[in-house]
N, C-alpha and C. Protein backbone atom coordinates (compact mmCIF):
# COMPACT_ATOMS: atom_id res chain seq x y z
N MET A 1 -89.57 -100.70 -53.35
CA MET A 1 -88.63 -99.73 -53.73
C MET A 1 -89.15 -98.79 -54.85
N PHE A 2 -89.54 -99.35 -55.97
CA PHE A 2 -90.27 -98.70 -57.02
C PHE A 2 -91.44 -99.42 -57.52
N SER A 3 -92.52 -98.84 -57.84
CA SER A 3 -93.72 -99.44 -58.29
C SER A 3 -93.86 -99.14 -59.83
N ARG A 4 -94.70 -100.03 -60.52
CA ARG A 4 -94.72 -99.90 -61.83
C ARG A 4 -95.49 -98.51 -62.25
N LYS A 5 -96.34 -98.17 -61.29
CA LYS A 5 -97.08 -96.81 -61.60
C LYS A 5 -96.19 -95.71 -61.41
N PHE A 6 -95.06 -95.76 -60.53
CA PHE A 6 -94.17 -94.69 -60.35
C PHE A 6 -93.27 -94.60 -61.65
N LEU A 7 -92.80 -95.70 -62.07
CA LEU A 7 -92.03 -95.77 -63.44
C LEU A 7 -92.71 -95.23 -64.50
N ARG A 8 -93.91 -95.75 -64.69
CA ARG A 8 -94.78 -95.37 -65.83
C ARG A 8 -94.95 -93.77 -65.88
N ARG A 9 -95.11 -93.16 -64.70
CA ARG A 9 -95.26 -91.60 -64.67
C ARG A 9 -93.96 -91.04 -65.21
N TRP A 10 -92.86 -91.49 -64.87
CA TRP A 10 -91.41 -91.05 -65.25
C TRP A 10 -91.36 -91.19 -66.73
N TRP A 11 -91.82 -92.25 -67.37
CA TRP A 11 -91.80 -92.83 -68.64
C TRP A 11 -92.70 -91.71 -69.37
N ASN A 12 -93.88 -91.54 -69.03
CA ASN A 12 -94.91 -90.61 -69.68
C ASN A 12 -94.32 -89.17 -69.69
N LYS A 13 -93.88 -88.76 -68.60
CA LYS A 13 -93.47 -87.47 -68.43
C LYS A 13 -92.27 -87.12 -69.47
N ALA A 14 -91.31 -88.12 -69.52
CA ALA A 14 -90.16 -87.92 -70.47
C ALA A 14 -90.72 -88.04 -71.90
N LEU A 15 -91.59 -88.93 -72.19
CA LEU A 15 -92.14 -88.93 -73.53
C LEU A 15 -92.73 -87.74 -73.98
N ARG A 16 -93.76 -87.06 -73.10
CA ARG A 16 -94.49 -85.98 -73.33
C ARG A 16 -93.52 -84.72 -73.65
N ARG A 17 -92.31 -84.58 -72.84
CA ARG A 17 -91.46 -83.51 -72.95
C ARG A 17 -90.34 -83.84 -74.04
N ARG A 18 -90.47 -84.87 -74.79
CA ARG A 18 -89.69 -85.32 -75.87
C ARG A 18 -88.08 -85.51 -75.39
N VAL A 19 -87.93 -86.06 -74.28
CA VAL A 19 -86.48 -86.28 -73.85
C VAL A 19 -86.16 -87.76 -73.76
N LEU A 20 -87.16 -88.55 -73.77
CA LEU A 20 -86.99 -89.95 -73.52
C LEU A 20 -85.95 -90.56 -74.37
N PHE A 21 -85.98 -90.24 -75.78
CA PHE A 21 -85.09 -90.75 -76.67
C PHE A 21 -83.81 -90.06 -76.77
N LYS A 22 -83.88 -88.80 -76.32
CA LYS A 22 -82.54 -87.93 -76.41
C LYS A 22 -81.69 -88.29 -75.13
N ALA A 23 -82.25 -88.61 -74.00
CA ALA A 23 -81.62 -88.64 -72.84
C ALA A 23 -81.12 -90.10 -72.44
N LEU A 24 -81.90 -91.06 -72.93
CA LEU A 24 -81.50 -92.47 -72.63
C LEU A 24 -81.17 -93.24 -73.73
N THR A 25 -80.18 -94.18 -73.59
CA THR A 25 -79.73 -94.99 -74.67
C THR A 25 -80.80 -96.10 -74.88
N GLU A 26 -80.73 -96.69 -76.01
CA GLU A 26 -81.61 -97.62 -76.28
C GLU A 26 -81.68 -98.88 -75.19
N GLU A 27 -80.55 -99.24 -74.62
CA GLU A 27 -80.35 -100.19 -73.62
C GLU A 27 -81.25 -99.76 -72.37
N ASP A 28 -80.98 -98.49 -71.97
CA ASP A 28 -81.66 -97.85 -70.85
C ASP A 28 -83.17 -97.93 -71.00
N ARG A 29 -83.60 -97.58 -72.19
CA ARG A 29 -85.10 -97.57 -72.49
C ARG A 29 -85.60 -99.00 -72.32
N ARG A 30 -84.90 -99.88 -73.07
CA ARG A 30 -85.43 -101.33 -72.94
C ARG A 30 -85.39 -101.83 -71.51
N TYR A 31 -84.49 -101.48 -70.64
CA TYR A 31 -84.30 -101.94 -69.41
C TYR A 31 -85.56 -101.46 -68.58
N LEU A 32 -85.82 -100.17 -68.71
CA LEU A 32 -86.77 -99.53 -68.03
C LEU A 32 -88.22 -99.96 -68.46
N TRP A 33 -88.49 -100.17 -69.78
CA TRP A 33 -89.68 -100.77 -70.28
C TRP A 33 -89.89 -102.09 -69.76
N LEU A 34 -88.84 -103.02 -69.80
CA LEU A 34 -89.07 -104.38 -69.53
C LEU A 34 -89.34 -104.46 -67.84
N THR A 35 -88.70 -103.55 -67.20
CA THR A 35 -88.97 -103.49 -65.64
C THR A 35 -90.40 -103.12 -65.42
N MET A 36 -90.91 -102.22 -66.23
CA MET A 36 -92.23 -101.69 -65.82
C MET A 36 -93.18 -102.90 -66.36
N LYS A 37 -92.90 -103.67 -67.40
CA LYS A 37 -93.70 -104.72 -67.79
C LYS A 37 -93.73 -106.07 -66.86
N ALA A 38 -92.56 -106.30 -66.40
CA ALA A 38 -92.39 -107.52 -65.79
C ALA A 38 -92.61 -107.40 -64.25
N PHE A 39 -92.57 -106.38 -63.64
CA PHE A 39 -92.61 -106.24 -62.10
C PHE A 39 -93.66 -105.24 -61.67
N ASP A 40 -94.48 -105.63 -60.68
CA ASP A 40 -95.41 -104.71 -60.19
C ASP A 40 -94.60 -103.80 -59.25
N GLU A 41 -93.67 -104.36 -58.50
CA GLU A 41 -92.83 -103.52 -57.55
C GLU A 41 -91.43 -104.12 -57.57
N ILE A 42 -90.40 -103.23 -57.66
CA ILE A 42 -89.10 -103.75 -57.59
C ILE A 42 -88.62 -103.91 -56.18
N ARG A 43 -88.10 -105.12 -55.95
CA ARG A 43 -87.50 -105.40 -54.57
C ARG A 43 -86.15 -105.57 -54.55
N SER A 44 -85.50 -105.85 -55.75
CA SER A 44 -84.03 -106.27 -55.94
C SER A 44 -83.22 -105.06 -55.82
N GLU A 45 -82.08 -105.02 -55.01
CA GLU A 45 -81.20 -103.81 -54.98
C GLU A 45 -80.58 -103.59 -56.21
N GLU A 46 -80.14 -104.74 -56.83
CA GLU A 46 -79.32 -104.53 -58.10
C GLU A 46 -80.22 -103.85 -59.15
N VAL A 47 -81.40 -104.38 -59.31
CA VAL A 47 -82.27 -103.71 -60.29
C VAL A 47 -82.59 -102.23 -59.91
N GLY A 48 -82.78 -101.91 -58.58
CA GLY A 48 -83.17 -100.70 -58.18
C GLY A 48 -82.05 -99.75 -58.31
N THR A 49 -80.75 -100.21 -58.33
CA THR A 49 -79.62 -99.38 -58.58
C THR A 49 -79.51 -98.95 -59.91
N ILE A 50 -79.81 -99.76 -60.86
CA ILE A 50 -79.80 -99.59 -62.18
C ILE A 50 -80.92 -98.57 -62.66
N ILE A 51 -82.14 -98.85 -61.90
CA ILE A 51 -83.25 -97.85 -62.29
C ILE A 51 -82.84 -96.57 -61.61
N VAL A 52 -82.25 -96.41 -60.61
CA VAL A 52 -82.08 -95.08 -60.11
C VAL A 52 -81.10 -94.28 -61.06
N LYS A 53 -80.09 -95.08 -61.66
CA LYS A 53 -79.29 -94.23 -62.48
C LYS A 53 -79.97 -93.85 -63.84
N ILE A 54 -80.98 -94.78 -64.24
CA ILE A 54 -81.78 -94.23 -65.41
C ILE A 54 -82.69 -92.97 -65.07
N LEU A 55 -83.31 -93.08 -63.87
CA LEU A 55 -83.98 -91.96 -63.56
C LEU A 55 -83.41 -90.85 -63.26
N ALA A 56 -82.05 -90.85 -62.90
CA ALA A 56 -81.30 -89.62 -62.63
C ALA A 56 -81.02 -88.91 -64.11
N LYS A 57 -80.79 -89.86 -65.15
CA LYS A 57 -80.64 -89.28 -66.30
C LYS A 57 -81.95 -88.56 -66.90
N LEU A 58 -82.95 -89.22 -66.56
CA LEU A 58 -84.19 -88.45 -66.96
C LEU A 58 -84.53 -87.19 -66.08
N LYS A 59 -84.17 -87.33 -64.90
CA LYS A 59 -84.31 -85.93 -64.15
C LYS A 59 -83.51 -84.98 -64.66
N ASP A 60 -82.37 -85.22 -64.96
CA ASP A 60 -81.36 -84.14 -65.43
C ASP A 60 -81.84 -83.54 -66.82
N ALA A 61 -82.37 -84.66 -67.65
CA ALA A 61 -82.95 -84.11 -69.03
C ALA A 61 -84.19 -83.38 -68.88
N LEU A 62 -84.99 -83.41 -67.80
CA LEU A 62 -86.28 -82.77 -67.64
C LEU A 62 -86.14 -81.38 -66.97
N LYS A 63 -84.95 -80.96 -66.67
CA LYS A 63 -84.72 -79.72 -66.13
C LYS A 63 -84.93 -78.72 -67.08
N SER A 64 -85.51 -77.55 -66.65
CA SER A 64 -85.72 -76.34 -67.56
C SER A 64 -84.42 -75.76 -67.89
N PRO A 65 -84.28 -75.05 -68.96
CA PRO A 65 -83.02 -74.32 -69.31
C PRO A 65 -82.62 -73.37 -68.22
N PHE A 66 -83.68 -72.75 -67.50
CA PHE A 66 -83.29 -71.82 -66.52
C PHE A 66 -82.61 -72.48 -65.23
N ALA A 67 -83.25 -73.69 -64.97
CA ALA A 67 -82.67 -74.38 -63.76
C ALA A 67 -81.21 -74.87 -64.10
N ARG A 68 -81.04 -75.17 -65.30
CA ARG A 68 -79.68 -75.53 -65.73
C ARG A 68 -78.65 -74.35 -65.61
N ARG A 69 -79.08 -73.18 -66.13
CA ARG A 69 -78.27 -71.98 -66.07
C ARG A 69 -78.11 -71.60 -64.63
N MET A 70 -79.03 -71.89 -63.85
CA MET A 70 -78.83 -71.56 -62.30
C MET A 70 -77.93 -72.45 -61.75
N GLU A 71 -77.76 -73.63 -62.14
CA GLU A 71 -76.75 -74.64 -61.60
C GLU A 71 -75.23 -74.17 -62.15
N THR A 72 -75.32 -73.79 -63.25
CA THR A 72 -73.82 -73.45 -63.77
C THR A 72 -73.43 -72.08 -63.43
N TYR A 73 -74.30 -70.99 -64.05
CA TYR A 73 -73.81 -69.60 -63.85
C TYR A 73 -74.15 -69.21 -62.46
N GLY A 74 -75.39 -69.22 -62.07
CA GLY A 74 -75.96 -68.70 -60.77
C GLY A 74 -75.25 -68.94 -59.51
N ILE A 75 -74.95 -70.23 -59.46
CA ILE A 75 -74.25 -70.61 -58.19
C ILE A 75 -72.77 -70.09 -58.04
N GLU A 76 -72.13 -70.23 -59.25
CA GLU A 76 -70.75 -69.72 -59.15
C GLU A 76 -70.78 -68.16 -59.01
N LYS A 77 -71.68 -67.53 -59.56
CA LYS A 77 -71.84 -65.93 -59.53
C LYS A 77 -71.97 -65.69 -58.00
N ALA A 78 -73.02 -66.36 -57.40
CA ALA A 78 -73.29 -65.99 -55.98
C ALA A 78 -72.17 -66.37 -55.10
N ARG A 79 -71.37 -67.37 -55.42
CA ARG A 79 -70.17 -67.67 -54.50
C ARG A 79 -69.20 -66.53 -54.66
N SER A 80 -68.95 -66.06 -55.79
CA SER A 80 -67.96 -65.00 -56.01
C SER A 80 -68.41 -63.90 -55.51
N ILE A 81 -69.58 -63.46 -55.54
CA ILE A 81 -70.09 -62.06 -54.89
C ILE A 81 -70.09 -62.19 -53.42
N SER A 82 -70.34 -63.45 -52.84
CA SER A 82 -70.44 -63.65 -51.40
C SER A 82 -69.07 -63.55 -51.06
N LYS A 83 -68.00 -64.10 -51.70
CA LYS A 83 -66.70 -63.97 -51.21
C LYS A 83 -66.07 -62.67 -51.21
N TRP A 84 -66.42 -61.96 -52.21
CA TRP A 84 -66.03 -60.48 -52.32
C TRP A 84 -66.70 -59.57 -51.12
N ALA A 85 -67.89 -59.85 -50.78
CA ALA A 85 -68.58 -59.16 -49.73
C ALA A 85 -68.06 -59.42 -48.42
N VAL A 86 -67.62 -60.81 -48.23
CA VAL A 86 -67.01 -61.20 -46.97
C VAL A 86 -65.59 -60.32 -46.93
N GLU A 87 -64.96 -60.31 -47.93
CA GLU A 87 -63.46 -59.71 -47.81
C GLU A 87 -63.73 -58.31 -47.67
N TRP A 88 -64.87 -57.71 -48.08
CA TRP A 88 -64.92 -56.18 -47.76
C TRP A 88 -65.66 -55.98 -46.34
N GLY A 89 -65.89 -57.05 -45.57
CA GLY A 89 -66.29 -56.68 -44.30
C GLY A 89 -67.74 -57.07 -44.01
N HIS A 90 -68.45 -57.53 -44.84
CA HIS A 90 -70.02 -57.81 -44.70
C HIS A 90 -69.92 -59.21 -44.04
N ARG A 91 -70.30 -59.35 -42.82
CA ARG A 91 -70.12 -60.53 -42.03
C ARG A 91 -70.99 -61.68 -42.47
N THR A 92 -72.38 -61.31 -42.67
CA THR A 92 -73.41 -62.33 -43.06
C THR A 92 -73.43 -62.71 -44.61
N ALA A 93 -72.44 -61.98 -45.40
CA ALA A 93 -72.54 -62.23 -46.73
C ALA A 93 -72.19 -63.70 -47.22
N GLY A 94 -71.60 -64.41 -46.18
CA GLY A 94 -71.28 -65.88 -46.50
C GLY A 94 -72.39 -66.82 -46.72
N GLU A 95 -73.58 -66.32 -46.22
CA GLU A 95 -74.76 -67.04 -46.55
C GLU A 95 -75.31 -66.82 -47.92
N TRP A 96 -75.01 -65.90 -48.58
CA TRP A 96 -75.37 -65.50 -49.85
C TRP A 96 -75.17 -66.72 -50.95
N ALA A 97 -74.10 -67.31 -50.75
CA ALA A 97 -73.78 -68.39 -51.74
C ALA A 97 -74.79 -69.56 -51.66
N ASN A 98 -75.44 -69.64 -50.60
CA ASN A 98 -76.33 -70.92 -50.46
C ASN A 98 -77.80 -70.51 -50.51
N ASP A 99 -78.06 -69.23 -50.78
CA ASP A 99 -79.44 -68.64 -50.79
C ASP A 99 -79.92 -68.92 -52.30
N ILE A 100 -80.89 -69.80 -52.32
CA ILE A 100 -81.53 -70.07 -53.72
C ILE A 100 -82.20 -68.96 -54.35
N ARG A 101 -82.75 -67.97 -53.55
CA ARG A 101 -83.44 -66.77 -54.09
C ARG A 101 -82.35 -65.83 -54.66
N PHE A 102 -81.22 -65.69 -54.12
CA PHE A 102 -80.19 -64.99 -54.67
C PHE A 102 -79.60 -65.63 -55.93
N VAL A 103 -79.49 -66.69 -55.88
CA VAL A 103 -78.98 -67.40 -57.20
C VAL A 103 -79.96 -67.32 -58.32
N ARG A 104 -81.22 -67.45 -57.93
CA ARG A 104 -82.19 -67.28 -58.99
C ARG A 104 -82.35 -65.81 -59.47
N TYR A 105 -82.03 -64.85 -58.59
CA TYR A 105 -81.97 -63.48 -58.93
C TYR A 105 -80.79 -63.09 -59.91
N LEU A 106 -79.77 -63.63 -59.45
CA LEU A 106 -78.58 -63.46 -60.46
C LEU A 106 -78.64 -64.10 -61.72
N THR A 107 -79.35 -65.16 -61.87
CA THR A 107 -79.51 -65.92 -63.12
C THR A 107 -80.54 -65.17 -63.89
N ALA A 108 -81.45 -64.71 -63.40
CA ALA A 108 -82.57 -63.88 -63.97
C ALA A 108 -81.86 -62.48 -64.56
N LEU A 109 -81.02 -61.92 -63.75
CA LEU A 109 -80.21 -60.65 -64.39
C LEU A 109 -79.47 -61.04 -65.54
N ASP A 110 -78.66 -62.16 -65.50
CA ASP A 110 -77.81 -62.67 -66.60
C ASP A 110 -78.58 -63.04 -67.76
N LEU A 111 -79.66 -63.64 -67.66
CA LEU A 111 -80.47 -64.11 -68.90
C LEU A 111 -81.35 -62.86 -69.54
N ASN A 112 -81.54 -61.81 -68.68
CA ASN A 112 -82.21 -60.64 -69.25
C ASN A 112 -81.33 -59.39 -69.59
N ALA A 113 -80.10 -59.66 -69.34
CA ALA A 113 -79.11 -58.48 -69.76
C ALA A 113 -79.10 -58.39 -71.27
N PRO A 114 -79.04 -57.14 -71.76
CA PRO A 114 -78.84 -56.97 -73.12
C PRO A 114 -77.60 -57.60 -73.74
N SER A 115 -77.55 -58.08 -74.90
CA SER A 115 -76.37 -58.68 -75.27
C SER A 115 -75.30 -57.48 -75.56
N GLY A 116 -74.04 -57.83 -75.26
CA GLY A 116 -72.93 -56.83 -75.37
C GLY A 116 -72.67 -56.16 -74.07
N TRP A 117 -73.30 -56.33 -73.14
CA TRP A 117 -73.21 -55.66 -71.82
C TRP A 117 -72.28 -56.60 -71.12
N GLY A 118 -71.36 -56.04 -70.50
CA GLY A 118 -70.29 -56.81 -69.61
C GLY A 118 -69.23 -57.62 -70.45
N ILE A 119 -68.35 -58.15 -69.71
CA ILE A 119 -67.40 -58.97 -70.52
C ILE A 119 -67.25 -60.31 -69.93
């Protein structure tokens, strides 16, 4: 399921980016550390389930601010623009909500907009 080397890479990446102690509780860190030290490869489903939850926390903490903004603002804005365009008669506009390039574009526009513009 998971190897020691795989878990070590996640540990080091989180440590380098300074999110290990912010994202994980002391219990999570201890569990991950003990698992890396005790096992060469995890075969237990119960242990694997716990490790997956811990790695999900790390993955979320390692996201860039831009990626987080895309998930919150960009996707919602793309959905609303897509909905408006479909209502106005543009048949293929329904696909815009799922287009990552369009979401990225809208997010970049929002982040680079001068303050005070829009409401």
